[in-house]
Amino acid sequence: MRTMRQAMTWLVPVGIAAILFMAAWGKAFTEERQLPSEGWSRTIHPSLSTDLKQPFVDKNRDGVRLYTIDRNQVHVSLLTPDLKLKPLAALKTGAIDRIIWAKDRQVIYKRDDGLYRFDGKSVRLIAERAEATACVNGEVFYSDPDRLKAYDTATGKTETVAAFQAPVEAVAAYGTKGAAKIVAITKAPSAAYRFYMISEDHPAPQPKAFAQWGSNFQGTVGDVQLIEHGGNAGIFYTTHIFKQGDIVSHYYFERPFNQLENPEKPKVLDDRPLSFIDKATGADLRDPDDLRLAMIGGKPVLLFSAKGKRTLRDDAINIYEAHTDPSGRWVAERRSTSTNISRLPFFIDEQTIAWLDLDSGSRYQIGLASRDPHAIERSMKVTAQDFSQSFSEAALSISRIFILFLLSIGYAIPAIAVYALIAFLKVEWIERDSPWVKRLVLGAFLIAQYFLASRIKTPLFQHYAPGYLSFPMSEWVIPTVLAVAAWLLTRWVKRPAWSILAETFYAMGLFAVMELFAFGPYFF
């Protein structure tokens, strides 16, 4: 019986710590399995390895074909309705920078400054220099260097679409083959960047500058993308300003097509840079990257990668989908649930998006998210990764528990000071095991814990902590509950040989263990 009592002295605090750690693990597990946004699946990973290079999607009667770059090969895969990838072919194309167009076993791609075509067996050069490229329904546009040319993938013929007075830095196209709308950006030395709109179906397309970006800044304008929204041209572009580092800004504006095709004079662009707000947390998403523009559900939508919350306590490079709200703000919703780095998002269709997830080293794998109910159900199956990831996240909370422990040392000083005063002024109380020692020391300790709990309860704590720790007046209720629990447990495990002092400090120790493991995982 005595041995059991002695064992319980240590088993009680250890058991309390284990139970509270399991509670933190359970919350991390629940967060790990949350859907990124309502109506979207968690990340689905088909088995496919790839380089960090933009994949290409080809939709035809057979379904969706995905072209990915893996070292010096292009892998062709069929995306099945259940979001699995069926390998079709591995095309030995040689080194590739980016796929511009692909169909069956044919690929047009960029390598260095050149534009090449692989026909399934051999590679041939289309153009030695193709600075800017775009593709619409089998028609590839490229700059060479101050001329905009169009390459017909069906006939293999090239023709000049328009000539400019300065090199073409970026190009975007929208529409159908032979009737595309094209935006080109040119830049002459010591001159402004100029934006041109060209209509391919015009009998004699003549480029006219409809906008310009000032010439007095050190930087570049590029990554232009074009959509049609309600009869207007929706134009996205990016600027890099080389001033005290690389300042990257993104812009989007809409103008009627007829105004851009027949401008009176170039308009100086003075739109405000885009900013994105995380719908879930209300936080600004800084430094968005890999932006892709599309029309989804009749509205302009931007996909991008940015650092943000993956779970309530874990940051990652996530994939976001952003659209404008009634006030005109770009509001972003997270689409990925991957644990580390997600890059280069792209649209499969209105139901499905994809991106590249870091796998190991420099290798990436395809990540998918879908609105399909079956995909959502499949993504919610419990996996070993759910357990391991949530456990590692809970284990990281031990560092925060240690930080709270260091902070709490200061809040034990009032109890120690009261004991020192008793030892100095009323030492006979200690010698006689007077209950007043216990009452005064524990009272000072508890009062200090109310102040500590108030300090812990910051806005971040209230955001991260579960509801049973962050309700109104919890900074007063929880220390009181912990004090009662610590006192009852102390009375249960104490031995007759214990002095009042031993009983007092054991109760304080139990309180500290419960407080550290309850509050610590959510302390910031």
Protein backbone atom coordinates (compact mmCIF):
# COMPACT_ATOMS: atom_id res chain seq x y z
CA MET A 1 0.00 0.00 0.00
CA ARG A 2 2.83 2.36 0.86
CA THR A 3 4.59 1.59 -2.42
CA MET A 4 1.37 2.32 -4.31
CA ARG A 5 1.03 5.69 -2.54
CA GLN A 6 4.59 6.57 -3.45
CA ALA A 7 4.00 5.56 -7.08
CA MET A 8 0.80 7.64 -7.24
CA THR A 9 2.78 10.69 -6.16
CA TRP A 10 4.55 10.60 -9.51
CA LEU A 11 1.91 8.88 -11.65
CA VAL A 12 -0.70 11.60 -11.05
CA PRO A 13 1.28 14.52 -12.59
CA VAL A 14 2.64 12.29 -15.37
CA GLY A 15 -0.87 11.04 -16.15
CA ILE A 16 -2.27 14.57 -16.18
CA ALA A 17 0.48 15.71 -18.58
CA ALA A 18 -0.19 12.70 -20.85
CA ILE A 19 -3.96 13.29 -20.91
CA LEU A 20 -3.59 16.98 -21.72
CA PHE A 21 -0.99 16.22 -24.41
CA MET A 22 -3.43 13.72 -25.96
CA ALA A 23 -6.09 16.47 -25.95
CA ALA A 24 -3.69 18.76 -27.86
CA TRP A 25 -2.93 15.89 -30.27
CA GLY A 26 -6.65 15.28 -30.77
CA LYS A 27 -7.23 18.92 -31.66
CA ALA A 28 -4.29 18.87 -34.08
CA PHE A 29 -5.71 15.68 -35.66
CA THR A 30 -9.11 17.34 -36.08
CA GLU A 31 -7.53 20.39 -37.68
CA GLU A 32 -5.40 18.20 -39.95
CA ARG A 33 -8.55 16.62 -41.39
CA GLN A 34 -10.48 19.83 -41.92
CA LEU A 35 -11.49 20.67 -45.49
CA PRO A 36 -9.55 23.70 -46.81
CA SER A 37 -12.80 25.45 -47.78
CA GLU A 38 -16.44 24.46 -47.74
CA GLY A 39 -17.28 22.26 -50.71
CA TRP A 40 -13.67 21.41 -51.63
CA SER A 41 -11.75 18.20 -51.04
CA ARG A 42 -8.53 17.85 -49.14
CA THR A 43 -5.41 17.44 -51.27
CA ILE A 44 -5.36 14.26 -53.35
CA HIS A 45 -1.96 13.00 -54.50
CA PRO A 46 -1.91 10.76 -57.58
CA SER A 47 1.36 8.89 -57.91
CA LEU A 48 3.36 11.08 -60.30
CA SER A 49 6.79 12.66 -59.84
CA THR A 50 7.78 15.82 -61.70
CA ASP A 51 10.18 18.74 -61.89
CA LEU A 52 9.18 22.19 -60.67
CA LYS A 53 7.99 23.24 -64.12
CA GLN A 54 4.50 24.25 -65.23
CA PRO A 55 2.42 21.26 -66.42
CA PHE A 56 0.19 21.51 -69.49
CA VAL A 57 -3.45 20.40 -69.74
CA ASP A 58 -5.09 19.17 -72.95
CA LYS A 59 -8.83 18.48 -72.93
CA ASN A 60 -10.37 16.39 -75.69
CA ARG A 61 -13.03 13.76 -76.25
CA ASP A 62 -10.92 11.15 -74.45
CA GLY A 63 -10.79 13.25 -71.31
CA VAL A 64 -8.08 15.35 -69.70
CA ARG A 65 -4.46 14.68 -70.54
CA LEU A 66 -1.75 16.04 -68.28
CA TYR A 67 1.75 16.72 -69.59
CA THR A 68 4.46 16.99 -66.92
CA ILE A 69 8.21 17.51 -67.21
CA ASP A 70 10.47 14.98 -65.50
CA ARG A 71 14.14 15.69 -66.15
CA ASN A 72 14.58 15.28 -69.94
CA GLN A 73 11.22 13.64 -70.56
CA VAL A 74 7.58 14.67 -70.86
CA HIS A 75 5.18 12.28 -69.13
CA VAL A 76 1.72 12.04 -70.64
CA SER A 77 -1.03 10.93 -68.23
CA LEU A 78 -4.79 10.57 -68.45
CA LEU A 79 -6.71 12.08 -65.53
CA THR A 80 -9.53 9.66 -64.72
CA PRO A 81 -12.92 10.74 -63.28
CA ASP A 82 -11.84 9.50 -59.82
CA LEU A 83 -8.79 11.83 -59.99
CA LYS A 84 -6.20 9.17 -60.64
CA LEU A 85 -3.48 9.50 -63.26
CA LYS A 86 -3.11 6.72 -65.82
CA PRO A 87 0.33 6.80 -67.53
CA LEU A 88 0.10 6.91 -71.32
CA ALA A 89 3.59 7.72 -72.61
CA ALA A 90 7.04 9.06 -71.74
CA LEU A 91 8.32 11.34 -74.51
CA LYS A 92 12.11 11.70 -74.73
CA THR A 93 12.24 15.32 -75.78
CA GLY A 94 15.48 16.41 -74.14
CA ALA A 95 15.74 19.40 -71.81
CA ILE A 96 12.60 21.59 -71.58
CA ASP A 97 11.97 24.93 -69.89
CA ARG A 98 8.22 25.14 -70.52
CA ILE A 99 5.52 23.37 -72.52
CA ILE A 100 3.63 25.80 -74.80
CA TRP A 101 1.30 23.32 -76.56
CA ALA A 102 0.76 19.57 -76.53
CA LYS A 103 -1.49 17.10 -78.32
CA ASP A 104 -1.31 13.31 -78.22
CA ARG A 105 2.46 12.63 -78.50
CA GLN A 106 3.38 16.01 -79.93
CA VAL A 107 4.83 18.83 -77.85
CA ILE A 108 5.88 22.41 -78.59
CA TYR A 109 8.18 23.78 -75.95
CA LYS A 110 10.72 26.44 -75.06
CA ARG A 111 14.34 25.73 -74.29
CA ASP A 112 16.55 28.72 -73.57
CA ASP A 113 15.32 31.30 -76.12
CA GLY A 114 14.38 28.78 -78.81
CA LEU A 115 10.99 27.30 -79.73
CA TYR A 116 10.95 23.59 -80.62
CA ARG A 117 8.50 20.92 -81.73
CA PHE A 118 8.68 17.23 -80.81
CA ASP A 119 6.58 15.07 -83.17
CA GLY A 120 6.79 11.86 -81.18
CA LYS A 121 10.10 10.76 -82.70
CA SER A 122 12.36 13.74 -83.33
CA VAL A 123 12.81 17.41 -82.45
CA ARG A 124 12.90 20.28 -84.93
CA LEU A 125 13.48 24.00 -84.42
CA ILE A 126 10.58 26.39 -85.04
CA ALA A 127 12.34 29.63 -84.09
CA GLU A 128 15.81 30.36 -82.74
CA ARG A 129 14.45 33.21 -80.67
CA ALA A 130 11.01 33.31 -79.08
CA GLU A 131 11.16 35.68 -76.11
CA ALA A 132 7.42 35.73 -75.41
CA THR A 133 4.88 33.00 -76.21
CA ALA A 134 1.14 32.30 -75.98
CA CYS A 135 -1.18 29.65 -77.35
CA VAL A 136 -4.84 29.56 -78.44
CA ASN A 137 -6.45 26.34 -79.72
CA GLY A 138 -3.44 25.02 -81.59
CA GLU A 139 -2.07 28.39 -82.70
CA VAL A 140 1.19 29.41 -81.05
CA PHE A 141 2.14 33.10 -80.94
CA TYR A 142 5.74 34.13 -80.33
CA SER A 143 7.92 37.24 -80.59
CA ASP A 144 10.90 37.36 -82.96
CA PRO A 145 12.04 39.89 -81.56
CA ASP A 146 10.00 42.96 -82.67
CA ARG A 147 7.55 40.94 -84.73
CA LEU A 148 4.67 38.88 -83.48
CA LYS A 149 4.39 35.60 -85.36
CA ALA A 150 1.84 32.82 -85.36
CA TYR A 151 2.70 29.14 -85.82
CA ASP A 152 -0.12 26.81 -86.94
CA THR A 153 0.33 23.45 -85.22
CA ALA A 154 -1.89 21.73 -87.83
CA THR A 155 -0.04 22.88 -90.97
CA GLY A 156 3.37 23.76 -89.54
CA LYS A 157 3.27 27.15 -91.26
CA THR A 158 4.40 30.44 -89.69
CA GLU A 159 3.15 33.90 -90.56
CA THR A 160 3.74 37.39 -89.20
CA VAL A 161 0.76 38.82 -87.31
CA ALA A 162 2.08 42.28 -86.48
CA ALA A 163 5.28 44.33 -86.47
CA PHE A 164 6.31 46.74 -83.73
CA GLN A 165 8.90 49.44 -83.28
CA ALA A 166 10.40 47.78 -80.19
CA PRO A 167 11.05 44.22 -78.98
CA VAL A 168 8.01 42.32 -77.68
CA GLU A 169 8.55 41.46 -74.00
CA ALA A 170 5.30 39.62 -73.23
CA VAL A 171 2.24 38.34 -75.08
CA ALA A 172 -1.16 36.88 -74.13
CA ALA A 173 -3.96 35.57 -76.33
CA TYR A 174 -7.62 34.71 -75.93
CA GLY A 175 -10.33 33.41 -78.26
CA THR A 176 -10.34 30.92 -81.11
CA LYS A 177 -7.85 29.93 -83.78
CA GLY A 178 -7.74 32.53 -86.53
CA ALA A 179 -9.83 35.01 -84.53
CA ALA A 180 -7.77 35.52 -81.39
CA LYS A 181 -7.48 38.70 -79.37
CA ILE A 182 -3.84 39.36 -78.52
CA VAL A 183 -2.19 41.66 -76.00
CA ALA A 184 1.49 42.43 -76.57
CA ILE A 185 3.85 44.45 -74.37
CA THR A 186 6.88 46.13 -75.94
CA LYS A 187 9.84 47.98 -74.48
CA ALA A 188 12.33 50.18 -76.31
CA PRO A 189 15.51 51.41 -74.56
CA SER A 190 14.82 54.52 -72.43
CA ALA A 191 11.14 54.33 -73.34
CA ALA A 192 7.94 53.28 -71.59
CA TYR A 193 6.47 49.80 -71.69
CA ARG A 194 3.58 49.89 -74.18
CA PHE A 195 0.48 47.69 -74.28
CA TYR A 196 -1.05 46.78 -77.67
CA MET A 197 -4.27 45.02 -78.61
CA ILE A 198 -4.37 43.07 -81.88
CA SER A 199 -7.44 41.38 -83.36
CA GLU A 200 -6.30 38.47 -85.53
CA ASP A 201 -9.55 38.41 -87.51
CA HIS A 202 -9.02 42.00 -88.68
CA PRO A 203 -8.25 42.12 -92.45
CA ALA A 204 -5.00 44.00 -91.81
CA PRO A 205 -4.16 43.89 -88.10
CA GLN A 206 -2.46 47.10 -87.06
CA PRO A 207 -1.18 47.24 -83.49
CA LYS A 208 -2.15 50.38 -81.61
CA ALA A 209 -0.86 51.20 -78.14
CA PHE A 210 -3.75 51.55 -75.71
CA ALA A 211 -1.71 51.90 -72.49
CA GLN A 212 1.79 52.48 -71.22
CA TRP A 213 3.84 52.06 -68.07
CA GLY A 214 6.26 54.84 -67.18
CA SER A 215 9.83 54.84 -68.47
CA ASN A 216 11.40 56.35 -65.34
CA PHE A 217 11.59 53.20 -63.26
CA GLN A 218 14.12 50.42 -63.11
CA GLY A 219 12.30 47.18 -63.60
CA THR A 220 10.24 45.01 -65.94
CA VAL A 221 6.60 44.52 -66.91
CA GLY A 222 5.44 41.09 -67.97
CA ASP A 223 3.50 37.89 -67.21
CA VAL A 224 0.51 39.34 -69.07
CA GLN A 225 -2.69 37.23 -69.15
CA LEU A 226 -5.97 37.88 -70.97
CA ILE A 227 -9.59 36.80 -70.49
CA GLU A 228 -12.99 38.04 -71.68
CA HIS A 229 -15.48 39.12 -69.03
CA GLY A 230 -18.87 40.46 -70.07
CA GLY A 231 -17.58 41.80 -73.39
CA ASN A 232 -14.58 43.41 -71.71
CA ALA A 233 -10.95 42.47 -71.89
CA GLY A 234 -9.65 41.42 -68.47
CA ILE A 235 -5.89 41.99 -68.40
CA PHE A 236 -3.52 40.85 -65.68
CA TYR A 237 0.16 41.78 -65.55
CA THR A 238 3.10 41.86 -63.14
CA THR A 239 5.80 44.45 -62.51
CA HIS A 240 9.24 43.92 -60.99
CA ILE A 241 10.85 47.12 -59.71
CA PHE A 242 14.54 46.80 -58.87
CA LYS A 243 14.81 49.32 -56.06
CA GLN A 244 16.24 48.17 -52.75
CA GLY A 245 15.51 44.61 -53.81
CA ASP A 246 12.94 43.15 -56.16
CA ILE A 247 9.53 44.73 -55.48
CA VAL A 248 6.86 42.60 -57.19
CA SER A 249 3.36 43.97 -57.81
CA HIS A 250 0.38 42.46 -59.62
CA TYR A 251 -2.37 44.34 -61.47
CA TYR A 252 -5.71 43.57 -63.08
CA PHE A 253 -8.03 45.86 -65.02
CA GLU A 254 -10.96 45.55 -67.42
CA ARG A 255 -11.68 47.65 -70.52
CA PRO A 256 -14.09 47.22 -73.45
CA PHE A 257 -12.40 45.47 -76.38
CA ASN A 258 -13.43 48.15 -78.86
CA GLN A 259 -11.72 50.85 -76.75
CA LEU A 260 -8.50 48.87 -76.68
CA GLU A 261 -8.60 48.07 -80.41
CA ASN A 262 -9.22 51.71 -81.38
CA PRO A 263 -7.58 53.87 -78.73
CA GLU A 264 -7.23 57.62 -79.13
CA LYS A 265 -3.88 57.59 -77.36
CA PRO A 266 -2.04 55.40 -74.86
CA LYS A 267 -3.37 55.74 -71.33
CA VAL A 268 -0.89 55.83 -68.48
CA LEU A 269 -1.69 52.89 -66.21
CA ASP A 270 -2.10 53.98 -62.61
CA ASP A 271 -4.12 51.10 -61.12
CA ARG A 272 -3.44 50.09 -57.54
CA PRO A 273 -1.58 46.80 -57.03
CA LEU A 274 -3.71 43.81 -56.12
CA SER A 275 -3.88 42.73 -52.49
CA PHE A 276 -5.39 39.49 -51.23
CA ILE A 277 -7.19 38.74 -47.96
CA ASP A 278 -7.44 35.25 -46.52
CA LYS A 279 -11.17 34.64 -46.05
CA ALA A 280 -10.58 32.20 -43.18
CA THR A 281 -8.26 34.33 -41.02
CA GLY A 282 -8.73 37.88 -42.37
CA ALA A 283 -4.95 38.17 -42.76
CA ASP A 284 -3.23 39.78 -45.73
CA LEU A 285 -1.54 37.24 -47.99
CA ARG A 286 1.82 38.76 -48.82
CA ASP A 287 4.12 37.99 -51.75
CA PRO A 288 1.71 35.94 -53.89
CA ASP A 289 3.46 33.98 -56.63
CA ASP A 290 2.66 31.77 -59.65
CA LEU A 291 -0.56 33.67 -60.44
CA ARG A 292 -2.94 32.22 -63.04
CA LEU A 293 -6.03 34.00 -64.39
CA ALA A 294 -9.17 32.26 -65.69
CA MET A 295 -12.92 32.64 -66.03
CA ILE A 296 -14.67 30.31 -63.58
CA GLY A 297 -18.44 30.42 -63.12
CA GLY A 298 -18.63 33.54 -65.29
CA LYS A 299 -16.24 35.49 -63.02
CA PRO A 300 -12.52 36.28 -63.16
CA VAL A 301 -10.57 34.08 -60.75
CA LEU A 302 -6.90 34.07 -59.78
CA LEU A 303 -5.01 31.03 -58.57
CA PHE A 304 -1.74 31.65 -56.74
CA SER A 305 0.65 30.35 -54.11
CA ALA A 306 1.41 32.26 -50.91
CA LYS A 307 2.50 31.66 -47.34
CA GLY A 308 -0.43 31.30 -44.97
CA LYS A 309 -2.10 29.12 -42.37
CA ARG A 310 -2.44 25.44 -43.27
CA THR A 311 -3.92 24.62 -39.90
CA LEU A 312 -4.53 26.98 -37.01
CA ARG A 313 -0.93 26.63 -35.82
CA ASP A 314 0.97 25.61 -38.95
CA ASP A 315 2.18 27.80 -41.82
CA ALA A 316 2.87 26.51 -45.33
CA ILE A 317 3.13 27.72 -48.90
CA ASN A 318 -0.52 27.15 -49.84
CA ILE A 319 -2.56 27.35 -53.00
CA TYR A 320 -5.33 29.96 -52.95
CA GLU A 321 -8.21 30.80 -55.25
CA ALA A 322 -9.22 34.47 -55.21
CA HIS A 323 -12.20 36.38 -56.57
CA THR A 324 -13.60 39.84 -55.98
CA ASP A 325 -16.29 40.48 -53.39
CA PRO A 326 -19.03 43.16 -53.81
CA SER A 327 -16.67 45.83 -52.46
CA GLY A 328 -14.05 45.00 -55.09
CA ARG A 329 -11.56 43.35 -52.71
CA TRP A 330 -9.81 40.17 -53.80
CA VAL A 331 -10.79 37.52 -51.23
CA ALA A 332 -8.79 34.28 -51.26
CA GLU A 333 -9.77 30.80 -50.09
CA ARG A 334 -7.25 28.07 -49.43
CA ARG A 335 -7.46 25.07 -51.73
CA SER A 336 -4.44 22.97 -50.67
CA THR A 337 -3.95 21.03 -47.44
CA SER A 338 -0.38 20.01 -48.22
CA THR A 339 2.14 20.17 -45.42
CA ASN A 340 5.07 22.10 -46.85
CA ILE A 341 5.35 23.84 -50.23
CA SER A 342 2.73 24.01 -52.98
CA ARG A 343 3.61 25.80 -56.23
CA LEU A 344 2.55 26.43 -59.84
CA PRO A 345 -1.26 26.04 -59.63
CA PHE A 346 -3.34 25.50 -62.76
CA PHE A 347 -6.97 24.88 -63.66
CA ILE A 348 -8.20 21.49 -64.85
CA ASP A 349 -11.84 22.61 -65.15
CA GLU A 350 -14.41 24.47 -63.08
CA GLN A 351 -14.60 21.53 -60.67
CA THR A 352 -10.90 20.73 -60.27
CA ILE A 353 -7.61 22.55 -59.78
CA ALA A 354 -4.08 21.17 -59.57
CA TRP A 355 -0.59 22.23 -58.55
CA LEU A 356 2.83 20.85 -57.66
CA ASP A 357 3.61 19.72 -54.09
CA LEU A 358 7.14 19.37 -52.77
CA ASP A 359 7.80 15.68 -52.22
CA SER A 360 11.47 15.37 -51.30
CA GLY A 361 14.60 17.27 -52.23
CA SER A 362 13.84 19.01 -55.53
CA ARG A 363 11.19 16.51 -56.57
CA TYR A 364 7.51 17.43 -56.75
CA GLN A 365 4.24 15.54 -57.09
CA ILE A 366 0.86 16.50 -58.47
CA GLY A 367 -1.68 17.79 -55.96
CA LEU A 368 -5.39 17.97 -56.77
CA ALA A 369 -8.48 19.48 -55.17
CA SER A 370 -12.04 19.02 -56.42
CA ARG A 371 -15.64 20.00 -55.76
CA ASP A 372 -16.83 16.51 -56.66
CA PRO A 373 -18.63 14.92 -53.65
CA HIS A 374 -16.95 11.54 -54.30
CA ALA A 375 -13.53 13.22 -54.32
CA ILE A 376 -14.35 15.00 -51.06
CA GLU A 377 -15.43 11.71 -49.48
CA ARG A 378 -12.30 9.92 -50.70
CA SER A 379 -10.02 12.68 -49.41
CA MET A 380 -11.53 12.37 -45.91
CA LYS A 381 -10.33 8.80 -45.40
CA VAL A 382 -8.02 8.58 -42.40
CA THR A 383 -4.39 7.99 -43.38
CA ALA A 384 -1.18 7.29 -41.49
CA GLN A 385 0.02 10.73 -42.55
CA ASP A 386 -2.90 12.32 -40.68
CA PHE A 387 -1.69 10.69 -37.46
CA SER A 388 2.00 11.39 -38.01
CA GLN A 389 1.52 14.99 -39.09
CA SER A 390 -0.87 15.83 -36.25
CA PHE A 391 1.44 14.11 -33.73
CA SER A 392 4.48 16.07 -34.91
CA GLU A 393 2.43 19.27 -34.74
CA ALA A 394 1.35 18.42 -31.18
CA ALA A 395 4.94 17.53 -30.27
CA LEU A 396 6.04 20.98 -31.42
CA SER A 397 3.78 22.41 -28.73
CA ILE A 398 6.27 21.16 -26.12
CA SER A 399 8.54 24.07 -27.05
CA ARG A 400 5.68 26.49 -26.33
CA ILE A 401 5.01 24.70 -23.03
CA PHE A 402 8.66 25.26 -22.11
CA ILE A 403 8.39 28.97 -22.99
CA LEU A 404 5.28 29.26 -20.80
CA PHE A 405 7.15 27.46 -18.02
CA LEU A 406 9.92 30.07 -18.13
CA LEU A 407 7.31 32.84 -18.04
CA SER A 408 5.42 31.21 -15.14
CA ILE A 409 8.50 31.16 -12.93
CA GLY A 410 8.05 34.87 -12.31
CA TYR A 411 4.46 34.30 -11.23
CA ALA A 412 5.60 31.87 -8.51
CA ILE A 413 7.59 34.64 -6.82
CA PRO A 414 4.62 35.99 -4.76
CA ALA A 415 4.09 32.56 -3.13
CA ILE A 416 7.80 32.22 -2.42
CA ALA A 417 7.86 35.75 -0.99
CA VAL A 418 4.92 34.98 1.32
CA TYR A 419 6.70 31.85 2.53
CA ALA A 420 9.89 33.86 3.15
CA LEU A 421 7.93 36.42 5.20
CA ILE A 422 6.37 33.64 7.28
CA ALA A 423 9.80 32.11 7.84
CA PHE A 424 11.09 35.51 8.94
CA LEU A 425 8.15 36.74 11.02
CA LYS A 426 6.25 33.59 12.08
CA VAL A 427 8.73 30.75 11.95
CA GLU A 428 6.79 28.93 14.68
CA TRP A 429 3.94 28.41 12.15
CA ILE A 430 6.30 26.36 10.04
CA GLU A 431 7.64 24.46 13.03
CA ARG A 432 4.09 23.58 14.20
CA ASP A 433 2.83 22.77 10.67
CA SER A 434 0.21 25.49 10.99
CA PRO A 435 -2.48 25.39 8.26
CA TRP A 436 -2.02 29.16 7.88
CA VAL A 437 1.22 28.50 6.00
CA LYS A 438 -0.70 26.49 3.43
CA ARG A 439 -3.55 29.02 3.18
CA LEU A 440 -1.36 32.08 2.74
CA VAL A 441 1.16 30.53 0.31
CA LEU A 442 -1.51 28.90 -1.88
CA GLY A 443 -3.63 32.06 -1.79
CA ALA A 444 -0.70 34.19 -3.04
CA PHE A 445 0.09 31.54 -5.67
CA LEU A 446 -3.51 31.42 -6.95
CA ILE A 447 -3.85 35.20 -7.16
CA ALA A 448 -0.66 35.33 -9.25
CA GLN A 449 -2.05 32.61 -11.57
CA TYR A 450 -5.11 34.76 -12.33
CA PHE A 451 -2.74 37.46 -13.61
CA LEU A 452 -0.75 34.87 -15.59
CA ALA A 453 -3.92 33.51 -17.21
CA SER A 454 -4.94 37.06 -18.18
CA ARG A 455 -1.57 37.55 -19.84
CA ILE A 456 -1.83 34.23 -21.69
CA LYS A 457 -5.28 35.06 -23.05
CA THR A 458 -4.15 37.17 -26.02
CA PRO A 459 -6.07 37.50 -29.32
CA LEU A 460 -3.78 34.85 -30.82
CA PHE A 461 -4.54 32.46 -27.95
CA GLN A 462 -8.26 33.01 -28.38
CA HIS A 463 -7.93 32.31 -32.10
CA TYR A 464 -5.91 29.10 -31.71
CA ALA A 465 -7.16 27.59 -28.45
CA PRO A 466 -10.20 25.29 -28.21
CA GLY A 467 -13.45 26.75 -26.91
CA TYR A 468 -13.14 25.15 -23.48
CA LEU A 469 -10.06 27.33 -22.84
CA SER A 470 -11.04 30.59 -24.55
CA PHE A 471 -14.61 31.31 -23.43
CA PRO A 472 -15.44 34.66 -21.73
CA MET A 473 -13.99 34.98 -18.21
CA SER A 474 -11.96 31.80 -18.76
CA GLU A 475 -8.92 33.55 -17.28
CA TRP A 476 -10.79 33.51 -13.94
CA VAL A 477 -12.77 30.28 -14.18
CA ILE A 478 -10.04 27.91 -15.38
CA PRO A 479 -7.41 28.77 -12.71
CA THR A 480 -10.13 28.30 -10.08
CA VAL A 481 -11.08 24.88 -11.49
CA LEU A 482 -7.43 23.85 -11.73
CA ALA A 483 -6.83 24.96 -8.14
CA VAL A 484 -9.75 22.86 -6.86
CA ALA A 485 -8.59 19.86 -8.93
CA ALA A 486 -5.00 20.22 -7.72
CA TRP A 487 -6.13 20.44 -4.09
CA LEU A 488 -8.42 17.38 -4.31
CA LEU A 489 -5.73 15.30 -6.04
CA THR A 490 -3.19 16.36 -3.42
CA ARG A 491 -5.51 15.26 -0.59
CA TRP A 492 -5.96 11.94 -2.37
CA VAL A 493 -2.28 11.08 -2.86
CA LYS A 494 -0.70 12.70 0.22
CA ARG A 495 0.87 10.47 2.85
CA PRO A 496 0.65 10.93 6.66
CA ALA A 497 4.35 11.68 6.79
CA TRP A 498 3.95 14.77 4.60
CA SER A 499 4.42 18.14 6.25
CA ILE A 500 2.19 21.12 5.51
CA LEU A 501 5.02 22.54 3.42
CA ALA A 502 5.34 19.35 1.31
CA GLU A 503 1.58 19.26 0.76
CA THR A 504 1.56 22.94 -0.26
CA PHE A 505 4.33 22.70 -2.82
CA TYR A 506 2.98 19.42 -4.26
CA ALA A 507 -0.38 21.14 -4.86
CA MET A 508 1.43 24.05 -6.53
CA GLY A 509 3.36 21.59 -8.71
CA LEU A 510 0.18 19.79 -9.80
CA PHE A 511 -1.44 23.12 -10.63
CA ALA A 512 1.60 24.12 -12.69
CA VAL A 513 1.56 20.83 -14.66
CA MET A 514 -2.14 21.20 -15.49
CA GLU A 515 -1.75 24.86 -16.40
CA LEU A 516 1.33 24.33 -18.60
CA PHE A 517 -0.12 21.40 -20.56
CA ALA A 518 -3.58 22.98 -20.88
CA PHE A 519 -2.51 26.49 -21.95
CA GLY A 520 1.00 25.82 -23.27
CA PRO A 521 0.17 24.27 -26.69
CA TYR A 522 -1.72 27.45 -27.65
CA PHE A 523 0.61 30.00 -26.04
CA PHE A 524 2.22 32.52 -28.43
